[in-house]
């Protein structure tokens, strides 16, 4: 591993930045466990959380979007989507 050159500053994220980064979208984001983990990051009740779903390509299709967001909806999270491909 090569250290960052002296003329570049290393990136330090804002301490309030929170996120869950999961591969295999459907396998992870469609689970109640993952939905709860996302809601827990907000420190709010599910009814006070709004989720913006940004699907790409085939995930803009309603049945695939719903599969990935259904666990959130069932918890009471407000789900909106930003369709990129369709």
N, C-alpha and C. Protein backbone atom coordinates (compact mmCIF):
# COMPACT_ATOMS: atom_id res chain seq x y z
N UNK A 1 0.85 -1.17 0.00
CA UNK A 1 0.00 0.00 0.00
C UNK A 1 0.90 1.24 0.00
N UNK A 2 0.56 2.16 -0.85
CA UNK A 2 1.34 3.39 -0.97
C UNK A 2 0.62 4.50 -0.21
N UNK A 3 1.36 5.26 0.62
CA UNK A 3 0.69 6.35 1.34
C UNK A 3 0.23 7.45 0.40
N UNK A 4 -0.71 8.21 0.86
CA UNK A 4 -1.25 9.34 0.10
C UNK A 4 -0.13 10.37 -0.11
N UNK A 5 0.03 10.91 -1.34
CA UNK A 5 1.06 11.94 -1.56
C UNK A 5 0.85 13.15 -0.65
N UNK A 6 1.92 13.81 -0.30
CA UNK A 6 1.88 14.93 0.65
C UNK A 6 0.98 16.07 0.17
N UNK A 7 0.86 16.26 -1.14
CA UNK A 7 0.05 17.37 -1.65
C UNK A 7 -1.45 17.08 -1.60
N UNK A 8 -1.83 15.87 -1.25
CA UNK A 8 -3.24 15.51 -1.13
C UNK A 8 -3.63 15.36 0.32
N UNK A 9 -4.80 15.83 0.64
CA UNK A 9 -5.32 15.64 2.00
C UNK A 9 -6.13 14.36 2.02
N UNK A 10 -5.98 13.60 3.07
CA UNK A 10 -6.80 12.40 3.19
C UNK A 10 -8.24 12.80 3.49
N UNK A 11 -9.17 11.98 3.08
CA UNK A 11 -10.59 12.26 3.26
C UNK A 11 -11.01 11.90 4.68
N UNK A 12 -11.63 12.82 5.34
CA UNK A 12 -12.18 12.57 6.67
C UNK A 12 -13.68 12.85 6.57
N UNK A 13 -14.50 11.79 6.67
CA UNK A 13 -15.95 11.99 6.54
C UNK A 13 -16.52 12.76 7.72
N UNK A 14 -17.62 13.43 7.48
CA UNK A 14 -18.36 14.11 8.52
C UNK A 14 -18.79 13.07 9.55
N UNK A 15 -18.56 13.30 10.83
CA UNK A 15 -18.91 12.28 11.84
C UNK A 15 -20.40 11.96 11.90
N UNK A 16 -21.25 12.84 11.36
CA UNK A 16 -22.69 12.55 11.38
C UNK A 16 -23.13 11.74 10.17
N UNK A 17 -22.21 11.48 9.24
CA UNK A 17 -22.53 10.69 8.06
C UNK A 17 -22.75 9.23 8.46
N UNK A 18 -23.87 8.69 8.04
CA UNK A 18 -24.21 7.31 8.38
C UNK A 18 -24.63 6.60 7.11
N UNK A 19 -24.36 5.33 7.03
CA UNK A 19 -24.79 4.59 5.85
C UNK A 19 -24.65 3.09 6.05
N UNK A 20 -25.39 2.38 5.25
CA UNK A 20 -25.27 0.92 5.17
C UNK A 20 -25.00 0.63 3.71
N UNK A 21 -23.94 -0.09 3.47
CA UNK A 21 -23.54 -0.39 2.11
C UNK A 21 -23.56 -1.90 1.95
N UNK A 22 -24.49 -2.38 1.15
CA UNK A 22 -24.68 -3.82 1.03
C UNK A 22 -24.65 -4.23 -0.44
N UNK A 23 -23.96 -5.28 -0.72
CA UNK A 23 -23.96 -5.81 -2.08
C UNK A 23 -25.17 -6.69 -2.28
N UNK A 24 -25.37 -7.14 -3.48
CA UNK A 24 -26.47 -8.03 -3.81
C UNK A 24 -27.79 -7.44 -3.34
N UNK A 25 -28.17 -6.34 -3.95
CA UNK A 25 -29.34 -5.57 -3.54
C UNK A 25 -30.54 -6.33 -3.06
N UNK A 26 -31.08 -7.23 -3.87
CA UNK A 26 -32.30 -7.93 -3.49
C UNK A 26 -32.07 -8.82 -2.28
N UNK A 27 -30.95 -9.51 -2.25
CA UNK A 27 -30.68 -10.42 -1.14
C UNK A 27 -30.50 -9.69 0.19
N UNK A 28 -30.05 -8.47 0.14
CA UNK A 28 -29.85 -7.75 1.40
C UNK A 28 -30.98 -6.76 1.68
N UNK A 29 -31.33 -5.93 0.74
CA UNK A 29 -32.28 -4.86 1.01
C UNK A 29 -33.72 -5.33 1.15
N UNK A 30 -34.01 -6.53 0.76
CA UNK A 30 -35.39 -7.02 0.89
C UNK A 30 -35.66 -7.68 2.24
N UNK A 31 -34.67 -7.69 3.14
CA UNK A 31 -34.86 -8.36 4.42
C UNK A 31 -35.33 -7.39 5.50
N UNK A 32 -36.11 -7.90 6.41
CA UNK A 32 -36.58 -7.09 7.56
C UNK A 32 -35.39 -6.64 8.41
N UNK A 33 -34.39 -7.50 8.54
CA UNK A 33 -33.20 -7.17 9.33
C UNK A 33 -32.51 -5.93 8.78
N UNK A 34 -32.31 -5.87 7.47
CA UNK A 34 -31.63 -4.73 6.85
C UNK A 34 -32.49 -3.47 6.96
N UNK A 35 -33.79 -3.62 6.74
CA UNK A 35 -34.68 -2.46 6.86
C UNK A 35 -34.62 -1.89 8.28
N UNK A 36 -34.61 -2.76 9.27
CA UNK A 36 -34.54 -2.30 10.66
C UNK A 36 -33.21 -1.62 10.93
N UNK A 37 -32.12 -2.14 10.38
CA UNK A 37 -30.80 -1.53 10.56
C UNK A 37 -30.77 -0.12 9.97
N UNK A 38 -31.38 0.06 8.82
CA UNK A 38 -31.44 1.38 8.19
C UNK A 38 -32.26 2.34 9.06
N UNK A 39 -33.40 1.91 9.51
CA UNK A 39 -34.25 2.75 10.36
C UNK A 39 -33.52 3.08 11.67
N UNK A 40 -32.82 2.11 12.24
CA UNK A 40 -32.10 2.35 13.49
C UNK A 40 -31.06 3.46 13.34
N UNK A 41 -30.44 3.58 12.18
CA UNK A 41 -29.47 4.64 11.95
C UNK A 41 -30.08 6.03 12.10
N UNK A 42 -31.36 6.15 11.82
CA UNK A 42 -32.02 7.45 11.88
C UNK A 42 -32.39 7.86 13.30
N UNK A 43 -32.43 6.90 14.19
CA UNK A 43 -32.86 7.12 15.57
C UNK A 43 -34.27 7.71 15.63
N UNK A 44 -35.11 7.26 14.70
CA UNK A 44 -36.51 7.68 14.64
C UNK A 44 -37.40 6.45 14.57
N UNK A 45 -38.68 6.67 14.81
CA UNK A 45 -39.64 5.60 14.59
C UNK A 45 -39.82 5.44 13.08
N UNK A 46 -40.12 4.24 12.61
CA UNK A 46 -40.27 4.02 11.17
C UNK A 46 -41.25 5.00 10.51
N UNK A 47 -42.32 5.38 11.23
CA UNK A 47 -43.31 6.28 10.66
C UNK A 47 -42.75 7.69 10.43
N UNK A 48 -41.61 8.01 11.03
CA UNK A 48 -40.99 9.31 10.86
C UNK A 48 -39.84 9.30 9.86
N UNK A 49 -39.70 8.19 9.14
CA UNK A 49 -38.59 8.03 8.20
C UNK A 49 -39.11 8.06 6.76
N UNK A 50 -38.41 8.77 5.89
CA UNK A 50 -38.69 8.77 4.46
C UNK A 50 -37.49 8.15 3.75
N UNK A 51 -37.75 7.23 2.85
CA UNK A 51 -36.70 6.55 2.11
C UNK A 51 -36.83 6.91 0.64
N UNK A 52 -35.74 7.35 0.05
CA UNK A 52 -35.72 7.59 -1.39
C UNK A 52 -35.01 6.41 -2.03
N UNK A 53 -35.74 5.64 -2.81
CA UNK A 53 -35.19 4.48 -3.49
C UNK A 53 -34.72 4.91 -4.88
N UNK A 54 -33.44 4.68 -5.16
CA UNK A 54 -32.88 4.99 -6.46
C UNK A 54 -32.48 3.67 -7.10
N UNK A 55 -33.34 3.15 -7.92
CA UNK A 55 -33.06 1.91 -8.61
C UNK A 55 -32.42 2.20 -9.96
N UNK A 56 -31.68 1.27 -10.45
CA UNK A 56 -31.07 1.44 -11.77
C UNK A 56 -31.53 0.31 -12.68
N UNK A 57 -31.55 0.58 -13.95
CA UNK A 57 -31.92 -0.40 -14.98
C UNK A 57 -33.19 -1.14 -14.59
N UNK A 58 -33.13 -2.46 -14.44
CA UNK A 58 -34.34 -3.24 -14.19
C UNK A 58 -34.96 -2.98 -12.82
N UNK A 59 -34.20 -2.40 -11.89
CA UNK A 59 -34.75 -2.14 -10.56
C UNK A 59 -35.73 -0.97 -10.55
N UNK A 60 -35.85 -0.25 -11.66
CA UNK A 60 -36.91 0.75 -11.78
C UNK A 60 -38.26 0.09 -12.02
N UNK A 61 -38.27 -1.15 -12.45
CA UNK A 61 -39.52 -1.87 -12.71
C UNK A 61 -40.22 -2.12 -11.37
N UNK A 62 -41.51 -1.84 -11.35
CA UNK A 62 -42.29 -1.87 -10.11
C UNK A 62 -42.09 -3.14 -9.29
N UNK A 63 -42.17 -4.31 -9.90
CA UNK A 63 -42.09 -5.55 -9.10
C UNK A 63 -40.73 -5.71 -8.43
N UNK A 64 -39.65 -5.24 -9.07
CA UNK A 64 -38.32 -5.34 -8.47
C UNK A 64 -38.12 -4.27 -7.40
N UNK A 65 -38.61 -3.06 -7.66
CA UNK A 65 -38.54 -1.99 -6.67
C UNK A 65 -39.31 -2.40 -5.41
N UNK A 66 -40.51 -2.92 -5.61
CA UNK A 66 -41.33 -3.33 -4.47
C UNK A 66 -40.67 -4.43 -3.66
N UNK A 67 -40.00 -5.34 -4.34
CA UNK A 67 -39.33 -6.43 -3.62
C UNK A 67 -38.25 -5.88 -2.69
N UNK A 68 -37.55 -4.85 -3.14
CA UNK A 68 -36.47 -4.28 -2.32
C UNK A 68 -36.96 -3.31 -1.26
N UNK A 69 -38.14 -2.76 -1.42
CA UNK A 69 -38.61 -1.76 -0.46
C UNK A 69 -39.78 -2.22 0.41
N UNK A 70 -40.30 -3.40 0.14
CA UNK A 70 -41.47 -3.89 0.86
C UNK A 70 -41.26 -3.96 2.37
N UNK A 71 -40.09 -4.41 2.80
CA UNK A 71 -39.84 -4.51 4.25
C UNK A 71 -39.92 -3.14 4.91
N UNK A 72 -39.47 -2.10 4.21
CA UNK A 72 -39.56 -0.74 4.73
C UNK A 72 -41.02 -0.30 4.82
N UNK A 73 -41.76 -0.52 3.75
CA UNK A 73 -43.17 -0.13 3.72
C UNK A 73 -43.96 -0.82 4.82
N UNK A 74 -43.70 -2.10 5.03
CA UNK A 74 -44.41 -2.85 6.06
C UNK A 74 -44.14 -2.31 7.45
N UNK A 75 -42.96 -1.69 7.65
CA UNK A 75 -42.61 -1.11 8.94
C UNK A 75 -43.25 0.26 9.14
N UNK A 76 -43.78 0.86 8.06
CA UNK A 76 -44.37 2.17 8.15
C UNK A 76 -43.51 3.29 7.59
N UNK A 77 -42.37 2.94 6.99
CA UNK A 77 -41.50 3.93 6.37
C UNK A 77 -42.17 4.44 5.07
N UNK A 78 -42.09 5.74 4.85
CA UNK A 78 -42.59 6.32 3.60
C UNK A 78 -41.54 6.08 2.52
N UNK A 79 -41.91 5.41 1.45
CA UNK A 79 -40.98 5.08 0.37
C UNK A 79 -41.35 5.85 -0.89
N UNK A 80 -40.40 6.60 -1.40
CA UNK A 80 -40.53 7.28 -2.69
C UNK A 80 -39.46 6.72 -3.60
N UNK A 81 -39.65 6.84 -4.90
CA UNK A 81 -38.61 6.33 -5.79
C UNK A 81 -38.25 7.37 -6.84
N UNK A 82 -37.00 7.33 -7.23
CA UNK A 82 -36.49 8.17 -8.30
C UNK A 82 -36.08 7.22 -9.42
N UNK A 83 -36.90 7.13 -10.44
CA UNK A 83 -36.62 6.20 -11.53
C UNK A 83 -35.57 6.79 -12.46
N UNK A 84 -34.51 6.03 -12.66
CA UNK A 84 -33.39 6.49 -13.46
C UNK A 84 -33.51 6.01 -14.89
N UNK A 85 -33.91 4.75 -15.07
CA UNK A 85 -33.93 4.16 -16.40
C UNK A 85 -35.26 4.31 -17.11
N UNK A 86 -36.35 4.27 -16.39
CA UNK A 86 -37.68 4.33 -17.02
C UNK A 86 -38.32 5.68 -16.87
